[in-house]
Amino acid sequence: YLNANGTPVDPVVAFSSIRFVRVSLQGVSVSLF
């Protein structure tokens, strides 16, 4: 959860400052044929 500057914030502590949400996916790998 990001504030207006794009800095991650704790959603419990700074709920009212959340302006954006970023979802990322890491650690996925697939073997080649």
PDB file of all heavy atoms in Angstrom:
ATOM      1  N   TYR A   1       0.868  -1.172   0.000  1.00  0.00           N
ATOM      2  CA  TYR A   1       0.000   0.000   0.000  1.00  0.00           C
ATOM      3  C   TYR A   1       0.905   1.222   0.000  1.00  0.00           C
ATOM      4  O   TYR A   1       1.805   1.335   0.833  1.00  0.00           O
ATOM      5  CB  TYR A   1      -0.937  -0.035   1.210  1.00  0.00           C
ATOM      6  CG  TYR A   1      -1.868  -1.221   1.146  1.00  0.00           C
ATOM      7  CD1 TYR A   1      -1.533  -2.429   1.752  1.00  0.00           C
ATOM      8  CD2 TYR A   1      -3.064  -1.142   0.451  1.00  0.00           C
ATOM      9  CE1 TYR A   1      -2.378  -3.526   1.670  1.00  0.00           C
ATOM     10  CE2 TYR A   1      -3.921  -2.240   0.363  1.00  0.00           C
ATOM     11  CZ  TYR A   1      -3.566  -3.420   0.971  1.00  0.00           C
ATOM     12  OH  TYR A   1      -4.399  -4.502   0.877  1.00  0.00           O
ATOM     13  N   LEU A   2       0.661   2.146  -0.934  1.00  0.00           N
ATOM     14  CA  LEU A   2       1.560   3.278  -1.154  1.00  0.00           C
ATOM     15  C   LEU A   2       0.858   4.593  -0.847  1.00  0.00           C
ATOM     16  O   LEU A   2      -0.354   4.731  -1.058  1.00  0.00           O
ATOM     17  CB  LEU A   2       2.036   3.286  -2.616  1.00  0.00           C
ATOM     18  CG  LEU A   2       2.541   1.956  -3.189  1.00  0.00           C
ATOM     19  CD1 LEU A   2       2.768   2.074  -4.677  1.00  0.00           C
ATOM     20  CD2 LEU A   2       3.802   1.533  -2.480  1.00  0.00           C
ATOM     21  N   ASN A   3       1.659   5.583  -0.400  1.00  0.00           N
ATOM     22  CA  ASN A   3       1.112   6.920  -0.186  1.00  0.00           C
ATOM     23  C   ASN A   3       1.161   7.701  -1.498  1.00  0.00           C
ATOM     24  O   ASN A   3       1.496   7.156  -2.550  1.00  0.00           O
ATOM     25  CB  ASN A   3       1.839   7.637   0.955  1.00  0.00           C
ATOM     26  CG  ASN A   3       3.307   7.857   0.660  1.00  0.00           C
ATOM     27  OD1 ASN A   3       3.774   7.711  -0.462  1.00  0.00           O
ATOM     28  ND2 ASN A   3       4.059   8.201   1.692  1.00  0.00           N
ATOM     29  N   ALA A   4       0.858   8.980  -1.459  1.00  0.00           N
ATOM     30  CA  ALA A   4       0.808   9.797  -2.675  1.00  0.00           C
ATOM     31  C   ALA A   4       2.160   9.902  -3.363  1.00  0.00           C
ATOM     32  O   ALA A   4       2.227  10.115  -4.573  1.00  0.00           O
ATOM     33  CB  ALA A   4       0.281  11.194  -2.330  1.00  0.00           C
ATOM     34  N   ASN A   5       3.265   9.754  -2.625  1.00  0.00           N
ATOM     35  CA  ASN A   5       4.604   9.818  -3.209  1.00  0.00           C
ATOM     36  C   ASN A   5       5.067   8.480  -3.766  1.00  0.00           C
ATOM     37  O   ASN A   5       6.150   8.381  -4.329  1.00  0.00           O
ATOM     38  CB  ASN A   5       5.625  10.288  -2.166  1.00  0.00           C
ATOM     39  CG  ASN A   5       5.315  11.668  -1.662  1.00  0.00           C
ATOM     40  OD1 ASN A   5       4.795  12.499  -2.394  1.00  0.00           O
ATOM     41  ND2 ASN A   5       5.598  11.904  -0.394  1.00  0.00           N
ATOM     42  N   GLY A   6       4.288   7.423  -3.573  1.00  0.00           N
ATOM     43  CA  GLY A   6       4.676   6.095  -4.033  1.00  0.00           C
ATOM     44  C   GLY A   6       5.520   5.331  -3.043  1.00  0.00           C
ATOM     45  O   GLY A   6       6.095   4.303  -3.378  1.00  0.00           O
ATOM     46  N   THR A   7       5.593   5.821  -1.813  1.00  0.00           N
ATOM     47  CA  THR A   7       6.360   5.164  -0.764  1.00  0.00           C
ATOM     48  C   THR A   7       5.467   4.160  -0.037  1.00  0.00           C
ATOM     49  O   THR A   7       4.336   4.495   0.338  1.00  0.00           O
ATOM     50  CB  THR A   7       6.884   6.208   0.239  1.00  0.00           C
ATOM     51  OG1 THR A   7       7.588   7.215  -0.477  1.00  0.00           O
ATOM     52  CG2 THR A   7       7.789   5.568   1.265  1.00  0.00           C
ATOM     53  N   PRO A   8       5.948   2.946   0.186  1.00  0.00           N
ATOM     54  CA  PRO A   8       5.130   1.969   0.917  1.00  0.00           C
ATOM     55  C   PRO A   8       4.853   2.430   2.348  1.00  0.00           C
ATOM     56  O   PRO A   8       5.729   2.985   3.017  1.00  0.00           O
ATOM     57  CB  PRO A   8       5.999   0.708   0.923  1.00  0.00           C
ATOM     58  CG  PRO A   8       6.935   0.868  -0.219  1.00  0.00           C
ATOM     59  CD  PRO A   8       7.185   2.343  -0.339  1.00  0.00           C
ATOM     60  N   VAL A   9       3.613   2.220   2.782  1.00  0.00           N
ATOM     61  CA  VAL A   9       3.215   2.576   4.144  1.00  0.00           C
ATOM     62  C   VAL A   9       2.570   1.363   4.798  1.00  0.00           C
ATOM     63  O   VAL A   9       2.083   0.453   4.121  1.00  0.00           O
ATOM     64  CB  VAL A   9       2.231   3.773   4.170  1.00  0.00           C
ATOM     65  CG1 VAL A   9       2.895   5.027   3.637  1.00  0.00           C
ATOM     66  CG2 VAL A   9       0.968   3.455   3.398  1.00  0.00           C
ATOM     67  N   ASP A  10       2.556   1.371   6.125  1.00  0.00           N
ATOM     68  CA  ASP A  10       1.882   0.313   6.872  1.00  0.00           C
ATOM     69  C   ASP A  10       0.379   0.600   6.805  1.00  0.00           C
ATOM     70  O   ASP A  10      -0.079   1.646   7.267  1.00  0.00           O
ATOM     71  CB  ASP A  10       2.368   0.311   8.321  1.00  0.00           C
ATOM     72  CG  ASP A  10       1.771  -0.813   9.147  1.00  0.00           C
ATOM     73  OD1 ASP A  10       0.982  -1.611   8.582  1.00  0.00           O
ATOM     74  OD2 ASP A  10       2.098  -0.904  10.334  1.00  0.00           O
ATOM     75  N   PRO A  11      -0.406  -0.316   6.237  1.00  0.00           N
ATOM     76  CA  PRO A  11      -1.828  -0.028   6.071  1.00  0.00           C
ATOM     77  C   PRO A  11      -2.604   0.068   7.379  1.00  0.00           C
ATOM     78  O   PRO A  11      -3.639   0.719   7.429  1.00  0.00           O
ATOM     79  CB  PRO A  11      -2.337  -1.202   5.224  1.00  0.00           C
ATOM     80  CG  PRO A  11      -1.349  -2.282   5.425  1.00  0.00           C
ATOM     81  CD  PRO A  11      -0.042  -1.621   5.708  1.00  0.00           C
ATOM     82  N   VAL A  12      -2.105  -0.518   8.441  1.00  0.00           N
ATOM     83  CA  VAL A  12      -2.801  -0.447   9.724  1.00  0.00           C
ATOM     84  C   VAL A  12      -2.532   0.897  10.393  1.00  0.00           C
ATOM     85  O   VAL A  12      -3.443   1.536  10.920  1.00  0.00           O
ATOM     86  CB  VAL A  12      -2.362  -1.617  10.637  1.00  0.00           C
ATOM     87  CG1 VAL A  12      -2.995  -1.504  12.006  1.00  0.00           C
ATOM     88  CG2 VAL A  12      -2.699  -2.942   9.980  1.00  0.00           C
ATOM     89  N   VAL A  13      -1.287   1.360  10.349  1.00  0.00           N
ATOM     90  CA  VAL A  13      -0.896   2.610  11.013  1.00  0.00           C
ATOM     91  C   VAL A  13      -1.325   3.831  10.208  1.00  0.00           C
ATOM     92  O   VAL A  13      -1.850   4.801  10.753  1.00  0.00           O
ATOM     93  CB  VAL A  13       0.631   2.623  11.253  1.00  0.00           C
ATOM     94  CG1 VAL A  13       1.083   3.947  11.838  1.00  0.00           C
ATOM     95  CG2 VAL A  13       1.036   1.468  12.146  1.00  0.00           C
ATOM     96  N   ALA A  14      -1.110   3.803   8.894  1.00  0.00           N
ATOM     97  CA  ALA A  14      -1.358   4.982   8.051  1.00  0.00           C
ATOM     98  C   ALA A  14      -2.436   4.693   7.017  1.00  0.00           C
ATOM     99  O   ALA A  14      -2.263   4.940   5.824  1.00  0.00           O
ATOM    100  CB  ALA A  14      -0.063   5.404   7.385  1.00  0.00           C
ATOM    101  N   PHE A  15      -3.586   4.186   7.464  1.00  0.00           N
ATOM    102  CA  PHE A  15      -4.649   3.809   6.531  1.00  0.00           C
ATOM    103  C   PHE A  15      -5.129   4.993   5.703  1.00  0.00           C
ATOM    104  O   PHE A  15      -5.369   4.867   4.502  1.00  0.00           O
ATOM    105  CB  PHE A  15      -5.818   3.187   7.302  1.00  0.00           C
ATOM    106  CG  PHE A  15      -6.911   2.688   6.410  1.00  0.00           C
ATOM    107  CD1 PHE A  15      -6.815   1.440   5.827  1.00  0.00           C
ATOM    108  CD2 PHE A  15      -8.037   3.461   6.155  1.00  0.00           C
ATOM    109  CE1 PHE A  15      -7.815   0.974   4.990  1.00  0.00           C
ATOM    110  CE2 PHE A  15      -9.033   3.006   5.318  1.00  0.00           C
ATOM    111  CZ  PHE A  15      -8.927   1.753   4.742  1.00  0.00           C
ATOM    112  N   SER A  16      -5.267   6.149   6.311  1.00  0.00           N
ATOM    113  CA  SER A  16      -5.816   7.309   5.600  1.00  0.00           C
ATOM    114  C   SER A  16      -4.851   7.880   4.561  1.00  0.00           C
ATOM    115  O   SER A  16      -5.263   8.651   3.703  1.00  0.00           O
ATOM    116  CB  SER A  16      -6.218   8.398   6.596  1.00  0.00           C
ATOM    117  OG  SER A  16      -5.074   8.826   7.317  1.00  0.00           O
ATOM    118  N   SER A  17      -3.570   7.516   4.615  1.00  0.00           N
ATOM    119  CA  SER A  17      -2.618   8.053   3.638  1.00  0.00           C
ATOM    120  C   SER A  17      -2.443   7.140   2.421  1.00  0.00           C
ATOM    121  O   SER A  17      -1.687   7.477   1.509  1.00  0.00           O
ATOM    122  CB  SER A  17      -1.256   8.287   4.303  1.00  0.00           C
ATOM    123  OG  SER A  17      -0.680   7.053   4.675  1.00  0.00           O
ATOM    124  N   ILE A  18      -3.141   6.023   2.365  1.00  0.00           N
ATOM    125  CA  ILE A  18      -3.014   5.098   1.231  1.00  0.00           C
ATOM    126  C   ILE A  18      -3.666   5.715  -0.006  1.00  0.00           C
ATOM    127  O   ILE A  18      -4.824   6.105   0.018  1.00  0.00           O
ATOM    128  CB  ILE A  18      -3.660   3.734   1.555  1.00  0.00           C
ATOM    129  CG1 ILE A  18      -2.933   3.065   2.706  1.00  0.00           C
ATOM    130  CG2 ILE A  18      -3.656   2.838   0.314  1.00  0.00           C
ATOM    131  CD1 ILE A  18      -3.606   1.794   3.195  1.00  0.00           C
ATOM    132  N   ARG A  19      -2.894   5.813  -1.087  1.00  0.00           N
ATOM    133  CA  ARG A  19      -3.404   6.348  -2.354  1.00  0.00           C
ATOM    134  C   ARG A  19      -3.290   5.343  -3.497  1.00  0.00           C
ATOM    135  O   ARG A  19      -4.030   5.430  -4.465  1.00  0.00           O
ATOM    136  CB  ARG A  19      -2.653   7.626  -2.754  1.00  0.00           C
ATOM    137  CG  ARG A  19      -2.829   8.771  -1.794  1.00  0.00           C
ATOM    138  CD  ARG A  19      -4.280   9.257  -1.780  1.00  0.00           C
ATOM    139  NE  ARG A  19      -4.482  10.293  -0.803  1.00  0.00           N
ATOM    140  CZ  ARG A  19      -4.983  10.113   0.410  1.00  0.00           C
ATOM    141  NH1 ARG A  19      -5.351   8.923   0.800  1.00  0.00           N
ATOM    142  NH2 ARG A  19      -5.138  11.104   1.246  1.00  0.00           N
ATOM    143  N   PHE A  20      -2.355   4.408  -3.399  1.00  0.00           N
ATOM    144  CA  PHE A  20      -2.132   3.419  -4.458  1.00  0.00           C
ATOM    145  C   PHE A  20      -1.927   2.038  -3.839  1.00  0.00           C
ATOM    146  O   PHE A  20      -1.529   1.915  -2.690  1.00  0.00           O
ATOM    147  CB  PHE A  20      -0.897   3.779  -5.302  1.00  0.00           C
ATOM    148  CG  PHE A  20      -0.986   5.123  -5.955  1.00  0.00           C
ATOM    149  CD1 PHE A  20      -0.362   6.221  -5.400  1.00  0.00           C
ATOM    150  CD2 PHE A  20      -1.703   5.287  -7.124  1.00  0.00           C
ATOM    151  CE1 PHE A  20      -0.435   7.457  -6.000  1.00  0.00           C
ATOM    152  CE2 PHE A  20      -1.794   6.524  -7.731  1.00  0.00           C
ATOM    153  CZ  PHE A  20      -1.156   7.617  -7.172  1.00  0.00           C
ATOM    154  N   VAL A  21      -2.153   1.021  -4.670  1.00  0.00           N
ATOM    155  CA  VAL A  21      -1.914  -0.356  -4.271  1.00  0.00           C
ATOM    156  C   VAL A  21      -1.044  -0.994  -5.351  1.00  0.00           C
ATOM    157  O   VAL A  21      -1.333  -0.868  -6.540  1.00  0.00           O
ATOM    158  CB  VAL A  21      -3.231  -1.142  -4.129  1.00  0.00           C
ATOM    159  CG1 VAL A  21      -2.955  -2.585  -3.769  1.00  0.00           C
ATOM    160  CG2 VAL A  21      -4.137  -0.500  -3.110  1.00  0.00           C
ATOM    161  N   ARG A  22       0.041  -1.650  -4.910  1.00  0.00           N
ATOM    162  CA  ARG A  22       0.929  -2.345  -5.855  1.00  0.00           C
ATOM    163  C   ARG A  22       0.945  -3.829  -5.504  1.00  0.00           C
ATOM    164  O   ARG A  22       1.182  -4.204  -4.361  1.00  0.00           O
ATOM    165  CB  ARG A  22       2.351  -1.810  -5.787  1.00  0.00           C
ATOM    166  CG  ARG A  22       3.298  -2.573  -6.733  1.00  0.00           C
ATOM    167  CD  ARG A  22       4.754  -2.183  -6.572  1.00  0.00           C
ATOM    168  NE  ARG A  22       4.935  -0.767  -6.731  1.00  0.00           N
ATOM    169  CZ  ARG A  22       5.753  -0.023  -5.966  1.00  0.00           C
ATOM    170  NH1 ARG A  22       6.461  -0.584  -4.999  1.00  0.00           N
ATOM    171  NH2 ARG A  22       5.872   1.265  -6.171  1.00  0.00           N
ATOM    172  N   VAL A  23       0.687  -4.657  -6.511  1.00  0.00           N
ATOM    173  CA  VAL A  23       0.744  -6.105  -6.347  1.00  0.00           C
ATOM    174  C   VAL A  23       1.853  -6.620  -7.249  1.00  0.00           C
ATOM    175  O   VAL A  23       1.911  -6.271  -8.428  1.00  0.00           O
ATOM    176  CB  VAL A  23      -0.604  -6.770  -6.704  1.00  0.00           C
ATOM    177  CG1 VAL A  23      -0.498  -8.281  -6.644  1.00  0.00           C
ATOM    178  CG2 VAL A  23      -1.695  -6.276  -5.781  1.00  0.00           C
ATOM    179  N   SER A  24       2.744  -7.414  -6.676  1.00  0.00           N
ATOM    180  CA  SER A  24       3.828  -7.992  -7.467  1.00  0.00           C
ATOM    181  C   SER A  24       3.881  -9.498  -7.221  1.00  0.00           C
ATOM    182  O   SER A  24       3.435  -9.992  -6.193  1.00  0.00           O
ATOM    183  CB  SER A  24       5.162  -7.337  -7.125  1.00  0.00           C
ATOM    184  OG  SER A  24       5.457  -7.491  -5.762  1.00  0.00           O
ATOM    185  N   LEU A  25       4.457 -10.187  -8.189  1.00  0.00           N
ATOM    186  CA  LEU A  25       4.583 -11.639  -8.135  1.00  0.00           C
ATOM    187  C   LEU A  25       6.044 -11.980  -8.329  1.00  0.00           C
ATOM    188  O   LEU A  25       6.644 -11.604  -9.343  1.00  0.00           O
ATOM    189  CB  LEU A  25       3.717 -12.268  -9.226  1.00  0.00           C
ATOM    190  CG  LEU A  25       3.451 -13.752  -9.191  1.00  0.00           C
ATOM    191  CD1 LEU A  25       2.807 -14.155  -7.878  1.00  0.00           C
ATOM    192  CD2 LEU A  25       2.546 -14.144 -10.341  1.00  0.00           C
ATOM    193  N   GLN A  26       6.639 -12.651  -7.331  1.00  0.00           N
ATOM    194  CA  GLN A  26       8.069 -12.971  -7.383  1.00  0.00           C
ATOM    195  C   GLN A  26       8.274 -14.431  -7.031  1.00  0.00           C
ATOM    196  O   GLN A  26       7.521 -15.001  -6.267  1.00  0.00           O
ATOM    197  CB  GLN A  26       8.841 -12.098  -6.391  1.00  0.00           C
ATOM    198  CG  GLN A  26       8.735 -10.636  -6.692  1.00  0.00           C
ATOM    199  CD  GLN A  26       8.679  -9.791  -5.440  1.00  0.00           C
ATOM    200  OE1 GLN A  26       8.532 -10.293  -4.344  1.00  0.00           O
ATOM    201  NE2 GLN A  26       8.778  -8.495  -5.613  1.00  0.00           N
ATOM    202  N   GLY A  27       9.322 -15.015  -7.598  1.00  0.00           N
ATOM    203  CA  GLY A  27       9.683 -16.377  -7.256  1.00  0.00           C
ATOM    204  C   GLY A  27       9.051 -17.446  -8.121  1.00  0.00           C
ATOM    205  O   GLY A  27       9.143 -18.625  -7.816  1.00  0.00           O
ATOM    206  N   VAL A  28       8.407 -17.061  -9.217  1.00  0.00           N
ATOM    207  CA  VAL A  28       7.793 -18.035 -10.105  1.00  0.00           C
ATOM    208  C   VAL A  28       8.822 -18.447 -11.150  1.00  0.00           C
ATOM    209  O   VAL A  28       9.490 -17.593 -11.742  1.00  0.00           O
ATOM    210  CB  VAL A  28       6.549 -17.451 -10.801  1.00  0.00           C
ATOM    211  CG1 VAL A  28       5.941 -18.446 -11.764  1.00  0.00           C
ATOM    212  CG2 VAL A  28       5.539 -17.010  -9.776  1.00  0.00           C
ATOM    213  N   SER A  29       8.978 -19.748 -11.377  1.00  0.00           N
ATOM    214  CA  SER A  29       9.891 -20.220 -12.421  1.00  0.00           C
ATOM    215  C   SER A  29       9.310 -21.466 -13.073  1.00  0.00           C
ATOM    216  O   SER A  29       8.659 -22.270 -12.419  1.00  0.00           O
ATOM    217  CB  SER A  29      11.272 -20.507 -11.846  1.00  0.00           C
ATOM    218  OG  SER A  29      11.200 -21.539 -10.890  1.00  0.00           O
ATOM    219  N   VAL A  30       9.569 -21.592 -14.368  1.00  0.00           N
ATOM    220  CA  VAL A  30       9.057 -22.710 -15.153  1.00  0.00           C
ATOM    221  C   VAL A  30      10.215 -23.295 -15.943  1.00  0.00           C
ATOM    222  O   VAL A  30      10.992 -22.554 -16.561  1.00  0.00           O
ATOM    223  CB  VAL A  30       7.936 -22.247 -16.111  1.00  0.00           C
ATOM    224  CG1 VAL A  30       7.469 -23.387 -16.985  1.00  0.00           C
ATOM    225  CG2 VAL A  30       6.781 -21.666 -15.329  1.00  0.00           C
ATOM    226  N   SER A  31      10.346 -24.617 -15.950  1.00  0.00           N
ATOM    227  CA  SER A  31      11.415 -25.280 -16.696  1.00  0.00           C
ATOM    228  C   SER A  31      11.139 -25.204 -18.193  1.00  0.00           C
ATOM    229  O   SER A  31       9.996 -25.244 -18.637  1.00  0.00           O
ATOM    230  CB  SER A  31      11.512 -26.745 -16.292  1.00  0.00           C
ATOM    231  OG  SER A  31      11.834 -26.851 -14.938  1.00  0.00           O
ATOM    232  N   LEU A  32      12.223 -25.135 -18.973  1.00  0.00           N
ATOM    233  CA  LEU A  32      12.114 -25.085 -20.428  1.00  0.00           C
ATOM    234  C   LEU A  32      12.071 -26.491 -21.010  1.00  0.00           C
ATOM    235  O   LEU A  32      12.532 -27.443 -20.394  1.00  0.00           O
ATOM    236  CB  LEU A  32      13.303 -24.318 -21.012  1.00  0.00           C
ATOM    237  CG  LEU A  32      13.449 -22.866 -20.547  1.00  0.00           C
ATOM    238  CD1 LEU A  32      14.695 -22.253 -21.162  1.00  0.00           C
ATOM    239  CD2 LEU A  32      12.237 -22.049 -20.925  1.00  0.00           C
ATOM    240  N   PHE A  33      11.536 -26.621 -22.217  1.00  0.00           N
ATOM    241  CA  PHE A  33      11.432 -27.901 -22.908  1.00  0.00           C
ATOM    242  C   PHE A  33      12.513 -28.116 -23.964  1.00  0.00           C
ATOM    243  O   PHE A  33      12.579 -29.175 -24.558  1.00  0.00           O
ATOM    244  CB  PHE A  33      10.081 -28.025 -23.617  1.00  0.00           C
ATOM    245  CG  PHE A  33       8.919 -28.243 -22.693  1.00  0.00           C
ATOM    246  CD1 PHE A  33       7.651 -27.859 -23.066  1.00  0.00           C
ATOM    247  CD2 PHE A  33       9.077 -28.846 -21.461  1.00  0.00           C
ATOM    248  CE1 PHE A  33       6.570 -28.068 -22.243  1.00  0.00           C
ATOM    249  CE2 PHE A  33       7.999 -29.059 -20.623  1.00  0.00           C
ATOM    250  CZ  PHE A  33       6.739 -28.671 -21.023  1.00  0.00           C
TER     251      PHE A  33
END
